[in-house]
Amino acid sequence: MAISEKKKASNARWDKENMRVLACKVSAKKAEEFRAYAAARGHSVHSQLLEYVDKCIGACQTDPDTESKRAALLEKLQGVAAGDDSKE
């Protein structure tokens, strides 16, 4: 079912009131390197940047113990993805 013009207008109004675009210019080489970085981690450029923004603004609200556990799990998962399945 197609989205009605009324719904599109409503979405556009909500976006205008509640959303903002963050942007920066980078060299074409850096852009391609970042695209590859994100893809290697199973992310789009958008989701990788959004995750980083969330991490930055949430840094002062995150429990240090929870953050260290998350970091350890991420490191372990990255090791598994790279073929290192050794047990600790």
C-alpha atoms as a PDB file:
ATOM      1  CA  MET A   1       0.000   0.000   0.000  1.00  0.00           C
ATOM      2  CA  ALA A   2       1.398   3.370  -1.006  1.00  0.00           C
ATOM      3  CA  ILE A   3       1.890   6.159   1.515  1.00  0.00           C
ATOM      4  CA  SER A   4      -0.716   8.889   1.073  1.00  0.00           C
ATOM      5  CA  GLU A   5       0.268  12.475   0.313  1.00  0.00           C
ATOM      6  CA  LYS A   6      -1.305  13.501   3.631  1.00  0.00           C
ATOM      7  CA  LYS A   7       0.906  11.039   5.525  1.00  0.00           C
ATOM      8  CA  LYS A   8       4.001  12.208   3.609  1.00  0.00           C
ATOM      9  CA  ALA A   9       3.201  15.815   4.553  1.00  0.00           C
ATOM     10  CA  SER A  10       2.669  14.820   8.179  1.00  0.00           C
ATOM     11  CA  ASN A  11       6.007  12.966   8.235  1.00  0.00           C
ATOM     12  CA  ALA A  12       7.771  15.956   6.661  1.00  0.00           C
ATOM     13  CA  ARG A  13       6.321  18.313   9.299  1.00  0.00           C
ATOM     14  CA  TRP A  14       7.416  15.992  12.112  1.00  0.00           C
ATOM     15  CA  ASP A  15      10.912  15.648  10.638  1.00  0.00           C
ATOM     16  CA  LYS A  16      11.215  19.424  10.260  1.00  0.00           C
ATOM     17  CA  GLU A  17      10.289  19.942  13.919  1.00  0.00           C
ATOM     18  CA  ASN A  18      12.184  17.016  15.454  1.00  0.00           C
ATOM     19  CA  MET A  19      15.125  15.970  13.284  1.00  0.00           C
ATOM     20  CA  ARG A  20      18.426  17.623  12.303  1.00  0.00           C
ATOM     21  CA  VAL A  21      21.149  16.688   9.830  1.00  0.00           C
ATOM     22  CA  LEU A  22      24.765  16.463  11.016  1.00  0.00           C
ATOM     23  CA  ALA A  23      27.297  16.581   8.207  1.00  0.00           C
ATOM     24  CA  CYS A  24      30.953  17.132   7.440  1.00  0.00           C
ATOM     25  CA  LYS A  25      33.018  17.147   4.273  1.00  0.00           C
ATOM     26  CA  VAL A  26      35.808  14.598   3.940  1.00  0.00           C
ATOM     27  CA  SER A  27      38.066  13.619   1.082  1.00  0.00           C
ATOM     28  CA  ALA A  28      36.791  11.010  -1.349  1.00  0.00           C
ATOM     29  CA  LYS A  29      39.504   8.646  -0.127  1.00  0.00           C
ATOM     30  CA  LYS A  30      38.443   9.008   3.513  1.00  0.00           C
ATOM     31  CA  ALA A  31      34.799   8.552   2.543  1.00  0.00           C
ATOM     32  CA  GLU A  32      35.546   5.277   0.763  1.00  0.00           C
ATOM     33  CA  GLU A  33      37.738   4.067   3.629  1.00  0.00           C
ATOM     34  CA  PHE A  34      34.976   4.834   6.126  1.00  0.00           C
ATOM     35  CA  ARG A  35      32.371   3.134   3.920  1.00  0.00           C
ATOM     36  CA  ALA A  36      34.581   0.019   3.871  1.00  0.00           C
ATOM     37  CA  TYR A  37      35.127   0.279   7.648  1.00  0.00           C
ATOM     38  CA  ALA A  38      31.385   0.401   8.278  1.00  0.00           C
ATOM     39  CA  ALA A  39      30.631  -2.403   5.831  1.00  0.00           C
ATOM     40  CA  ALA A  40      33.252  -4.650   7.425  1.00  0.00           C
ATOM     41  CA  ARG A  41      31.371  -4.264  10.694  1.00  0.00           C
ATOM     42  CA  GLY A  42      27.969  -4.910   9.137  1.00  0.00           C
ATOM     43  CA  HIS A  43      26.892  -1.266   9.232  1.00  0.00           C
ATOM     44  CA  SER A  44      25.852   1.346   6.717  1.00  0.00           C
ATOM     45  CA  VAL A  45      27.657   4.680   6.911  1.00  0.00           C
ATOM     46  CA  HIS A  46      24.481   6.135   8.432  1.00  0.00           C
ATOM     47  CA  SER A  47      24.163   3.511  11.171  1.00  0.00           C
ATOM     48  CA  GLN A  48      27.893   3.668  11.979  1.00  0.00           C
ATOM     49  CA  LEU A  49      27.773   7.450  12.397  1.00  0.00           C
ATOM     50  CA  LEU A  50      24.543   7.290  14.398  1.00  0.00           C
ATOM     51  CA  GLU A  51      26.096   4.701  16.718  1.00  0.00           C
ATOM     52  CA  TYR A  52      29.086   6.994  17.234  1.00  0.00           C
ATOM     53  CA  VAL A  53      26.867   9.992  18.002  1.00  0.00           C
ATOM     54  CA  ASP A  54      24.882   7.915  20.487  1.00  0.00           C
ATOM     55  CA  LYS A  55      28.103   6.708  22.101  1.00  0.00           C
ATOM     56  CA  CYS A  56      29.472  10.249  22.394  1.00  0.00           C
ATOM     57  CA  ILE A  57      26.395  11.840  23.930  1.00  0.00           C
ATOM     58  CA  GLY A  58      25.704   8.836  26.119  1.00  0.00           C
ATOM     59  CA  ALA A  59      29.263   8.641  27.449  1.00  0.00           C
ATOM     60  CA  CYS A  60      28.501  10.737  30.516  1.00  0.00           C
ATOM     61  CA  GLN A  61      25.343   8.718  31.221  1.00  0.00           C
ATOM     62  CA  THR A  62      26.845   5.225  30.850  1.00  0.00           C
ATOM     63  CA  ASP A  63      27.786   3.120  33.839  1.00  0.00           C
ATOM     64  CA  PRO A  64      31.565   2.419  33.622  1.00  0.00           C
ATOM     65  CA  ASP A  65      31.116  -1.256  34.544  1.00  0.00           C
ATOM     66  CA  THR A  66      28.502  -1.757  31.828  1.00  0.00           C
ATOM     67  CA  GLU A  67      30.707   0.044  29.305  1.00  0.00           C
ATOM     68  CA  SER A  68      33.746  -2.127  30.106  1.00  0.00           C
ATOM     69  CA  LYS A  69      31.640  -5.292  29.733  1.00  0.00           C
ATOM     70  CA  ARG A  70      30.289  -4.023  26.419  1.00  0.00           C
ATOM     71  CA  ALA A  71      33.787  -3.225  25.187  1.00  0.00           C
ATOM     72  CA  ALA A  72      35.077  -6.679  26.209  1.00  0.00           C
ATOM     73  CA  LEU A  73      32.182  -8.376  24.424  1.00  0.00           C
ATOM     74  CA  LEU A  74      32.723  -6.287  21.299  1.00  0.00           C
ATOM     75  CA  GLU A  75      36.441  -7.152  21.301  1.00  0.00           C
ATOM     76  CA  LYS A  76      35.632 -10.851  21.670  1.00  0.00           C
ATOM     77  CA  LEU A  77      33.074 -10.703  18.853  1.00  0.00           C
ATOM     78  CA  GLN A  78      35.537  -8.924  16.581  1.00  0.00           C
ATOM     79  CA  GLY A  79      38.102 -11.664  17.313  1.00  0.00           C
ATOM     80  CA  VAL A  80      35.551 -14.325  16.340  1.00  0.00           C
ATOM     81  CA  ALA A  81      34.739 -12.450  13.136  1.00  0.00           C
ATOM     82  CA  ALA A  82      38.440 -12.308  12.316  1.00  0.00           C
ATOM     83  CA  GLY A  83      38.794 -16.072  12.797  1.00  0.00           C
ATOM     84  CA  ASP A  84      40.261 -16.035  16.291  1.00  0.00           C
ATOM     85  CA  ASP A  85      38.009 -18.458  18.169  1.00  0.00           C
ATOM     86  CA  SER A  86      40.412 -19.219  21.004  1.00  0.00           C
ATOM     87  CA  LYS A  87      38.963 -19.610  24.485  1.00  0.00           C
ATOM     88  CA  GLU A  88      40.110 -17.353  27.312  1.00  0.00           C
END
